[in-house]
Amino acid sequence: MIAGLMPLFGCAAFQNTAAQDRTWSAWYACRAENRTTGVQLVRVDPYGYYTLQANYYRPQFSECMAEKLGLENPNCAITRSRTSGARCG
């Protein structure tokens, strides 16, 4: 049934939100500055929070993302930080 409805709706349902676009832009900017070594962005949720995969903590990556996203705390945009008690207000 879903496959039958796809031609009616096209890909409009799969468009990124503004927050997702902002996070992906930050990722590409950090990557261009070679500050993402050993880190892979796995997923960006509709609110711009991201999930990453890394072999170990990469402070230069977190600092770059915070800088590009205008965040005070480098861990505020990582998905797990929403429940870890990080002050991101």
PDB file of N, CA and C in Angstrom:
ATOM      1  N   MET A   1       0.818  -1.192   0.000  1.00  0.00           N
ATOM      2  CA  MET A   1       0.000   0.000   0.000  1.00  0.00           C
ATOM      3  C   MET A   1       0.862   1.257   0.000  1.00  0.00           C
ATOM      4  N   ILE A   2       1.893   1.286   0.847  1.00  0.00           N
ATOM      5  CA  ILE A   2       2.760   2.465   0.901  1.00  0.00           C
ATOM      6  C   ILE A   2       3.435   2.687  -0.445  1.00  0.00           C
ATOM      7  N   ALA A   3       3.901   1.620  -1.053  1.00  0.00           N
ATOM      8  CA  ALA A   3       4.548   1.741  -2.359  1.00  0.00           C
ATOM      9  C   ALA A   3       3.585   2.300  -3.395  1.00  0.00           C
ATOM     10  N   GLY A   4       2.318   1.981  -3.264  1.00  0.00           N
ATOM     11  CA  GLY A   4       1.318   2.495  -4.192  1.00  0.00           C
ATOM     12  C   GLY A   4       1.054   3.983  -4.005  1.00  0.00           C
ATOM     13  N   LEU A   5       1.265   4.492  -2.809  1.00  0.00           N
ATOM     14  CA  LEU A   5       1.031   5.911  -2.543  1.00  0.00           C
ATOM     15  C   LEU A   5       2.241   6.788  -2.857  1.00  0.00           C
ATOM     16  N   MET A   6       3.407   6.187  -2.971  1.00  0.00           N
ATOM     17  CA  MET A   6       4.620   6.970  -3.220  1.00  0.00           C
ATOM     18  C   MET A   6       4.525   7.852  -4.458  1.00  0.00           C
ATOM     19  N   PRO A   7       4.002   7.343  -5.587  1.00  0.00           N
ATOM     20  CA  PRO A   7       3.912   8.225  -6.761  1.00  0.00           C
ATOM     21  C   PRO A   7       3.001   9.430  -6.526  1.00  0.00           C
ATOM     22  N   LEU A   8       2.031   9.299  -5.652  1.00  0.00           N
ATOM     23  CA  LEU A   8       1.122  10.414  -5.381  1.00  0.00           C
ATOM     24  C   LEU A   8       1.795  11.520  -4.577  1.00  0.00           C
ATOM     25  N   PHE A   9       2.664  11.134  -3.656  1.00  0.00           N
ATOM     26  CA  PHE A   9       3.285  12.113  -2.765  1.00  0.00           C
ATOM     27  C   PHE A   9       4.710  12.467  -3.157  1.00  0.00           C
ATOM     28  N   GLY A  10       5.335  11.665  -3.970  1.00  0.00           N
ATOM     29  CA  GLY A  10       6.706  11.930  -4.385  1.00  0.00           C
ATOM     30  C   GLY A  10       7.648  11.873  -3.200  1.00  0.00           C
ATOM     31  N   CYS A  11       8.673  12.680  -3.254  1.00  0.00           N
ATOM     32  CA  CYS A  11       9.680  12.694  -2.192  1.00  0.00           C
ATOM     33  C   CYS A  11       9.472  13.854  -1.226  1.00  0.00           C
ATOM     34  N   ALA A  12       8.385  14.556  -1.327  1.00  0.00           N
ATOM     35  CA  ALA A  12       8.149  15.711  -0.465  1.00  0.00           C
ATOM     36  C   ALA A  12       8.186  15.347   1.010  1.00  0.00           C
ATOM     37  N   ALA A  13       7.770  14.155   1.345  1.00  0.00           N
ATOM     38  CA  ALA A  13       7.748  13.728   2.739  1.00  0.00           C
ATOM     39  C   ALA A  13       9.164  13.497   3.284  1.00  0.00           C
ATOM     40  N   PHE A  14      10.138  13.395   2.417  1.00  0.00           N
ATOM     41  CA  PHE A  14      11.499  13.104   2.835  1.00  0.00           C
ATOM     42  C   PHE A  14      12.398  14.340   2.839  1.00  0.00           C
ATOM     43  N   GLN A  15      11.836  15.518   2.740  1.00  0.00           N
ATOM     44  CA  GLN A  15      12.619  16.750   2.733  1.00  0.00           C
ATOM     45  C   GLN A  15      13.118  17.048   4.144  1.00  0.00           C
ATOM     46  N   ASN A  16      14.371  17.535   4.254  1.00  0.00           N
ATOM     47  CA  ASN A  16      14.932  17.895   5.561  1.00  0.00           C
ATOM     48  C   ASN A  16      14.233  19.101   6.154  1.00  0.00           C
ATOM     49  N   THR A  17      14.239  19.168   7.481  1.00  0.00           N
ATOM     50  CA  THR A  17      13.767  20.366   8.168  1.00  0.00           C
ATOM     51  C   THR A  17      14.891  21.399   8.133  1.00  0.00           C
ATOM     52  N   ALA A  18      14.588  22.632   8.497  1.00  0.00           N
ATOM     53  CA  ALA A  18      15.620  23.679   8.549  1.00  0.00           C
ATOM     54  C   ALA A  18      16.697  23.321   9.572  1.00  0.00           C
ATOM     55  N   ALA A  19      16.297  22.727  10.693  1.00  0.00           N
ATOM     56  CA  ALA A  19      17.267  22.331  11.722  1.00  0.00           C
ATOM     57  C   ALA A  19      18.199  21.234  11.211  1.00  0.00           C
ATOM     58  N   GLN A  20      17.660  20.291  10.453  1.00  0.00           N
ATOM     59  CA  GLN A  20      18.503  19.242   9.873  1.00  0.00           C
ATOM     60  C   GLN A  20      19.487  19.834   8.869  1.00  0.00           C
ATOM     61  N   ASP A  21      19.014  20.729   8.030  1.00  0.00           N
ATOM     62  CA  ASP A  21      19.889  21.368   7.048  1.00  0.00           C
ATOM     63  C   ASP A  21      21.013  22.143   7.743  1.00  0.00           C
ATOM     64  N   ARG A  22      20.684  22.815   8.825  1.00  0.00           N
ATOM     65  CA  ARG A  22      21.681  23.575   9.583  1.00  0.00           C
ATOM     66  C   ARG A  22      22.758  22.654  10.160  1.00  0.00           C
ATOM     67  N   THR A  23      22.342  21.510  10.696  1.00  0.00           N
ATOM     68  CA  THR A  23      23.295  20.553  11.261  1.00  0.00           C
ATOM     69  C   THR A  23      24.160  19.943  10.163  1.00  0.00           C
ATOM     70  N   TRP A  24      23.549  19.557   9.049  1.00  0.00           N
ATOM     71  CA  TRP A  24      24.341  18.995   7.948  1.00  0.00           C
ATOM     72  C   TRP A  24      25.313  20.034   7.399  1.00  0.00           C
ATOM     73  N   SER A  25      24.914  21.282   7.329  1.00  0.00           N
ATOM     74  CA  SER A  25      25.822  22.346   6.870  1.00  0.00           C
ATOM     75  C   SER A  25      27.010  22.493   7.808  1.00  0.00           C
ATOM     76  N   ALA A  26      26.743  22.416   9.109  1.00  0.00           N
ATOM     77  CA  ALA A  26      27.829  22.485  10.096  1.00  0.00           C
ATOM     78  C   ALA A  26      28.777  21.308   9.917  1.00  0.00           C
ATOM     79  N   TRP A  27      28.210  20.117   9.713  1.00  0.00           N
ATOM     80  CA  TRP A  27      29.027  18.912   9.491  1.00  0.00           C
ATOM     81  C   TRP A  27      29.952  19.097   8.287  1.00  0.00           C
ATOM     82  N   TYR A  28      29.380  19.558   7.158  1.00  0.00           N
ATOM     83  CA  TYR A  28      30.193  19.727   5.949  1.00  0.00           C
ATOM     84  C   TYR A  28      31.245  20.809   6.131  1.00  0.00           C
ATOM     85  N   ALA A  29      30.928  21.873   6.869  1.00  0.00           N
ATOM     86  CA  ALA A  29      31.912  22.929   7.131  1.00  0.00           C
ATOM     87  C   ALA A  29      33.061  22.392   7.990  1.00  0.00           C
ATOM     88  N   CYS A  30      32.739  21.606   9.013  1.00  0.00           N
ATOM     89  CA  CYS A  30      33.780  21.012   9.858  1.00  0.00           C
ATOM     90  C   CYS A  30      34.609  20.011   9.061  1.00  0.00           C
ATOM     91  N   ARG A  31      33.957  19.276   8.207  1.00  0.00           N
ATOM     92  CA  ARG A  31      34.678  18.311   7.372  1.00  0.00           C
ATOM     93  C   ARG A  31      35.634  19.021   6.418  1.00  0.00           C
ATOM     94  N   ALA A  32      35.204  20.152   5.871  1.00  0.00           N
ATOM     95  CA  ALA A  32      36.058  20.932   4.974  1.00  0.00           C
ATOM     96  C   ALA A  32      37.296  21.462   5.706  1.00  0.00           C
ATOM     97  N   GLU A  33      37.155  21.690   7.005  1.00  0.00           N
ATOM     98  CA  GLU A  33      38.272  22.160   7.834  1.00  0.00           C
ATOM     99  C   GLU A  33      39.077  20.991   8.411  1.00  0.00           C
ATOM    100  N   ASN A  34      38.756  19.775   7.992  1.00  0.00           N
ATOM    101  CA  ASN A  34      39.441  18.556   8.440  1.00  0.00           C
ATOM    102  C   ASN A  34      39.361  18.374   9.960  1.00  0.00           C
ATOM    103  N   ARG A  35      38.182  18.651  10.522  1.00  0.00           N
ATOM    104  CA  ARG A  35      37.983  18.514  11.966  1.00  0.00           C
ATOM    105  C   ARG A  35      37.025  17.367  12.301  1.00  0.00           C
ATOM    106  N   THR A  36      36.804  16.488  11.328  1.00  0.00           N
ATOM    107  CA  THR A  36      35.884  15.364  11.547  1.00  0.00           C
ATOM    108  C   THR A  36      36.592  14.021  11.457  1.00  0.00           C
ATOM    109  N   THR A  37      37.904  14.005  11.492  1.00  0.00           N
ATOM    110  CA  THR A  37      38.659  12.763  11.356  1.00  0.00           C
ATOM    111  C   THR A  37      38.216  11.741  12.397  1.00  0.00           C
ATOM    112  N   GLY A  38      37.862  10.554  11.936  1.00  0.00           N
ATOM    113  CA  GLY A  38      37.455   9.475  12.829  1.00  0.00           C
ATOM    114  C   GLY A  38      36.020   9.564  13.318  1.00  0.00           C
ATOM    115  N   VAL A  39      35.243  10.502  12.786  1.00  0.00           N
ATOM    116  CA  VAL A  39      33.854  10.689  13.215  1.00  0.00           C
ATOM    117  C   VAL A  39      32.949  10.582  11.993  1.00  0.00           C
ATOM    118  N   GLN A  40      31.837   9.902  12.159  1.00  0.00           N
ATOM    119  CA  GLN A  40      30.850   9.808  11.090  1.00  0.00           C
ATOM    120  C   GLN A  40      29.491  10.226  11.636  1.00  0.00           C
ATOM    121  N   LEU A  41      28.846  11.157  10.965  1.00  0.00           N
ATOM    122  CA  LEU A  41      27.493  11.538  11.341  1.00  0.00           C
ATOM    123  C   LEU A  41      26.569  10.434  10.851  1.00  0.00           C
ATOM    124  N   VAL A  42      25.807   9.834  11.749  1.00  0.00           N
ATOM    125  CA  VAL A  42      24.958   8.699  11.412  1.00  0.00           C
ATOM    126  C   VAL A  42      23.546   9.153  11.079  1.00  0.00           C
ATOM    127  N   ARG A  43      23.033  10.106  11.855  1.00  0.00           N
ATOM    128  CA  ARG A  43      21.630  10.500  11.713  1.00  0.00           C
ATOM    129  C   ARG A  43      21.457  11.904  12.271  1.00  0.00           C
ATOM    130  N   VAL A  44      20.565  12.670  11.658  1.00  0.00           N
ATOM    131  CA  VAL A  44      20.177  13.982  12.185  1.00  0.00           C
ATOM    132  C   VAL A  44      18.663  13.963  12.309  1.00  0.00           C
ATOM    133  N   ASP A  45      18.165  14.171  13.540  1.00  0.00           N
ATOM    134  CA  ASP A  45      16.711  14.125  13.722  1.00  0.00           C
ATOM    135  C   ASP A  45      16.082  15.450  13.283  1.00  0.00           C
ATOM    136  N   PRO A  46      14.760  15.518  13.181  1.00  0.00           N
ATOM    137  CA  PRO A  46      14.095  16.725  12.677  1.00  0.00           C
ATOM    138  C   PRO A  46      14.385  17.997  13.472  1.00  0.00           C
ATOM    139  N   TYR A  47      14.860  17.845  14.721  1.00  0.00           N
ATOM    140  CA  TYR A  47      15.160  19.016  15.543  1.00  0.00           C
ATOM    141  C   TYR A  47      16.621  19.435  15.445  1.00  0.00           C
ATOM    142  N   GLY A  48      17.402  18.707  14.648  1.00  0.00           N
ATOM    143  CA  GLY A  48      18.797  19.048  14.447  1.00  0.00           C
ATOM    144  C   GLY A  48      19.769  18.314  15.351  1.00  0.00           C
ATOM    145  N   TYR A  49      19.250  17.523  16.300  1.00  0.00           N
ATOM    146  CA  TYR A  49      20.138  16.722  17.142  1.00  0.00           C
ATOM    147  C   TYR A  49      20.728  15.613  16.288  1.00  0.00           C
ATOM    148  N   TYR A  50      21.997  15.317  16.518  1.00  0.00           N
ATOM    149  CA  TYR A  50      22.631  14.308  15.680  1.00  0.00           C
ATOM    150  C   TYR A  50      23.179  13.146  16.491  1.00  0.00           C
ATOM    151  N   THR A  51      23.285  12.020  15.803  1.00  0.00           N
ATOM    152  CA  THR A  51      23.892  10.820  16.353  1.00  0.00           C
ATOM    153  C   THR A  51      25.170  10.593  15.567  1.00  0.00           C
ATOM    154  N   LEU A  52      26.233  10.301  16.274  1.00  0.00           N
ATOM    155  CA  LEU A  52      27.494  10.101  15.580  1.00  0.00           C
ATOM    156  C   LEU A  52      28.122   8.786  15.962  1.00  0.00           C
ATOM    157  N   GLN A  53      29.070   8.375  15.157  1.00  0.00           N
ATOM    158  CA  GLN A  53      29.838   7.178  15.424  1.00  0.00           C
ATOM    159  C   GLN A  53      31.303   7.589  15.425  1.00  0.00           C
ATOM    160  N   ALA A  54      32.003   7.257  16.515  1.00  0.00           N
ATOM    161  CA  ALA A  54      33.421   7.600  16.625  1.00  0.00           C
ATOM    162  C   ALA A  54      34.127   6.523  17.427  1.00  0.00           C
ATOM    163  N   ASN A  55      35.386   6.333  17.144  1.00  0.00           N
ATOM    164  CA  ASN A  55      36.174   5.346  17.879  1.00  0.00           C
ATOM    165  C   ASN A  55      36.445   5.801  19.301  1.00  0.00           C
ATOM    166  N   TYR A  56      36.580   7.084  19.504  1.00  0.00           N
ATOM    167  CA  TYR A  56      36.791   7.662  20.827  1.00  0.00           C
ATOM    168  C   TYR A  56      36.404   9.135  20.767  1.00  0.00           C
ATOM    169  N   TYR A  57      36.333   9.778  21.910  1.00  0.00           N
ATOM    170  CA  TYR A  57      35.891  11.170  21.987  1.00  0.00           C
ATOM    171  C   TYR A  57      36.821  12.067  21.185  1.00  0.00           C
ATOM    172  N   ARG A  58      36.255  12.900  20.369  1.00  0.00           N
ATOM    173  CA  ARG A  58      36.996  13.824  19.509  1.00  0.00           C
ATOM    174  C   ARG A  58      36.615  15.266  19.873  1.00  0.00           C
ATOM    175  N   PRO A  59      37.344  15.887  20.793  1.00  0.00           N
ATOM    176  CA  PRO A  59      36.960  17.242  21.195  1.00  0.00           C
ATOM    177  C   PRO A  59      36.987  18.251  20.049  1.00  0.00           C
ATOM    178  N   GLN A  60      37.900  18.097  19.101  1.00  0.00           N
ATOM    179  CA  GLN A  60      37.950  19.054  17.998  1.00  0.00           C
ATOM    180  C   GLN A  60      36.678  18.996  17.157  1.00  0.00           C
ATOM    181  N   PHE A  61      36.080  17.817  17.048  1.00  0.00           N
ATOM    182  CA  PHE A  61      34.824  17.688  16.310  1.00  0.00           C
ATOM    183  C   PHE A  61      33.688  18.379  17.072  1.00  0.00           C
ATOM    184  N   SER A  62      33.560  18.071  18.355  1.00  0.00           N
ATOM    185  CA  SER A  62      32.488  18.676  19.162  1.00  0.00           C
ATOM    186  C   SER A  62      32.621  20.189  19.201  1.00  0.00           C
ATOM    187  N   GLU A  63      33.832  20.677  19.339  1.00  0.00           N
ATOM    188  CA  GLU A  63      34.056  22.122  19.372  1.00  0.00           C
ATOM    189  C   GLU A  63      33.716  22.768  18.040  1.00  0.00           C
ATOM    190  N   CYS A  64      34.063  22.104  16.950  1.00  0.00           N
ATOM    191  CA  CYS A  64      33.735  22.640  15.629  1.00  0.00           C
ATOM    192  C   CYS A  64      32.227  22.705  15.420  1.00  0.00           C
ATOM    193  N   MET A  65      31.527  21.624  15.750  1.00  0.00           N
ATOM    194  CA  MET A  65      30.074  21.619  15.579  1.00  0.00           C
ATOM    195  C   MET A  65      29.421  22.693  16.437  1.00  0.00           C
ATOM    196  N   ALA A  66      29.882  22.857  17.668  1.00  0.00           N
ATOM    197  CA  ALA A  66      29.330  23.897  18.542  1.00  0.00           C
ATOM    198  C   ALA A  66      29.576  25.273  17.938  1.00  0.00           C
ATOM    199  N   GLU A  67      30.761  25.473  17.426  1.00  0.00           N
ATOM    200  CA  GLU A  67      31.109  26.760  16.806  1.00  0.00           C
ATOM    201  C   GLU A  67      30.205  27.041  15.606  1.00  0.00           C
ATOM    202  N   LYS A  68      30.048  26.071  14.746  1.00  0.00           N
ATOM    203  CA  LYS A  68      29.243  26.256  13.529  1.00  0.00           C
ATOM    204  C   LYS A  68      27.752  26.382  13.838  1.00  0.00           C
ATOM    205  N   LEU A  69      27.291  25.724  14.905  1.00  0.00           N
ATOM    206  CA  LEU A  69      25.878  25.778  15.266  1.00  0.00           C
ATOM    207  C   LEU A  69      25.557  26.901  16.248  1.00  0.00           C
ATOM    208  N   GLY A  70      26.594  27.613  16.714  1.00  0.00           N
ATOM    209  CA  GLY A  70      26.382  28.709  17.648  1.00  0.00           C
ATOM    210  C   GLY A  70      25.977  28.249  19.033  1.00  0.00           C
ATOM    211  N   LEU A  71      26.512  27.107  19.468  1.00  0.00           N
ATOM    212  CA  LEU A  71      26.172  26.560  20.782  1.00  0.00           C
ATOM    213  C   LEU A  71      27.278  26.839  21.788  1.00  0.00           C
ATOM    214  N   GLU A  72      26.889  27.105  23.021  1.00  0.00           N
ATOM    215  CA  GLU A  72      27.857  27.364  24.078  1.00  0.00           C
ATOM    216  C   GLU A  72      28.499  26.064  24.565  1.00  0.00           C
ATOM    217  N   ASN A  73      27.697  25.021  24.708  1.00  0.00           N
ATOM    218  CA  ASN A  73      28.177  23.728  25.188  1.00  0.00           C
ATOM    219  C   ASN A  73      28.360  22.796  23.984  1.00  0.00           C
ATOM    220  N   PRO A  74      29.586  22.312  23.732  1.00  0.00           N
ATOM    221  CA  PRO A  74      29.822  21.467  22.560  1.00  0.00           C
ATOM    222  C   PRO A  74      28.988  20.192  22.509  1.00  0.00           C
ATOM    223  N   ASN A  75      28.445  19.738  23.615  1.00  0.00           N
ATOM    224  CA  ASN A  75      27.675  18.496  23.618  1.00  0.00           C
ATOM    225  C   ASN A  75      26.174  18.690  23.449  1.00  0.00           C
ATOM    226  N   CYS A  76      25.713  19.899  23.276  1.00  0.00           N
ATOM    227  CA  CYS A  76      24.277  20.161  23.252  1.00  0.00           C
ATOM    228  C   CYS A  76      23.542  19.610  22.038  1.00  0.00           C
ATOM    229  N   ALA A  77      24.204  19.429  20.943  1.00  0.00           N
ATOM    230  CA  ALA A  77      23.503  18.970  19.742  1.00  0.00           C
ATOM    231  C   ALA A  77      23.572  17.468  19.551  1.00  0.00           C
ATOM    232  N   ILE A  78      24.343  16.778  20.378  1.00  0.00           N
ATOM    233  CA  ILE A  78      24.442  15.334  20.247  1.00  0.00           C
ATOM    234  C   ILE A  78      23.199  14.710  20.869  1.00  0.00           C
ATOM    235  N   THR A  79      22.595  13.773  20.201  1.00  0.00           N
ATOM    236  CA  THR A  79      21.336  13.174  20.631  1.00  0.00           C
ATOM    237  C   THR A  79      21.367  12.717  22.083  1.00  0.00           C
ATOM    238  N   ARG A  80      22.424  12.050  22.498  1.00  0.00           N
ATOM    239  CA  ARG A  80      22.457  11.524  23.859  1.00  0.00           C
ATOM    240  C   ARG A  80      22.465  12.636  24.910  1.00  0.00           C
ATOM    241  N   SER A  81      22.854  13.847  24.551  1.00  0.00           N
ATOM    242  CA  SER A  81      22.926  14.940  25.516  1.00  0.00           C
ATOM    243  C   SER A  81      21.559  15.432  25.963  1.00  0.00           C
ATOM    244  N   ARG A  82      20.534  15.146  25.186  1.00  0.00           N
ATOM    245  CA  ARG A  82      19.203  15.610  25.585  1.00  0.00           C
ATOM    246  C   ARG A  82      18.753  14.972  26.877  1.00  0.00           C
ATOM    247  N   THR A  83      19.278  13.813  27.186  1.00  0.00           N
ATOM    248  CA  THR A  83      18.857  13.136  28.411  1.00  0.00           C
ATOM    249  C   THR A  83      19.980  13.027  29.425  1.00  0.00           C
ATOM    250  N   SER A  84      21.157  13.575  29.124  1.00  0.00           N
ATOM    251  CA  SER A  84      22.296  13.409  30.028  1.00  0.00           C
ATOM    252  C   SER A  84      22.420  14.539  31.042  1.00  0.00           C
ATOM    253  N   GLY A  85      21.524  15.500  31.005  1.00  0.00           N
ATOM    254  CA  GLY A  85      21.581  16.584  31.960  1.00  0.00           C
ATOM    255  C   GLY A  85      22.450  17.758  31.512  1.00  0.00           C
ATOM    256  N   ALA A  86      22.914  17.763  30.282  1.00  0.00           N
ATOM    257  CA  ALA A  86      23.726  18.865  29.789  1.00  0.00           C
ATOM    258  C   ALA A  86      22.889  20.142  29.771  1.00  0.00           C
ATOM    259  N   ARG A  87      23.492  21.237  30.192  1.00  0.00           N
ATOM    260  CA  ARG A  87      22.781  22.521  30.186  1.00  0.00           C
ATOM    261  C   ARG A  87      22.923  23.139  28.820  1.00  0.00           C
ATOM    262  N   CYS A  88      21.841  23.152  28.076  1.00  0.00           N
ATOM    263  CA  CYS A  88      21.881  23.618  26.694  1.00  0.00           C
ATOM    264  C   CYS A  88      20.938  24.769  26.434  1.00  0.00           C
ATOM    265  N   GLY A  89      20.305  25.294  27.447  1.00  0.00           N
ATOM    266  CA  GLY A  89      19.309  26.334  27.287  1.00  0.00           C
ATOM    267  C   GLY A  89      19.834  27.587  26.762  1.00  0.00           C
TER     268      GLY A  89
END
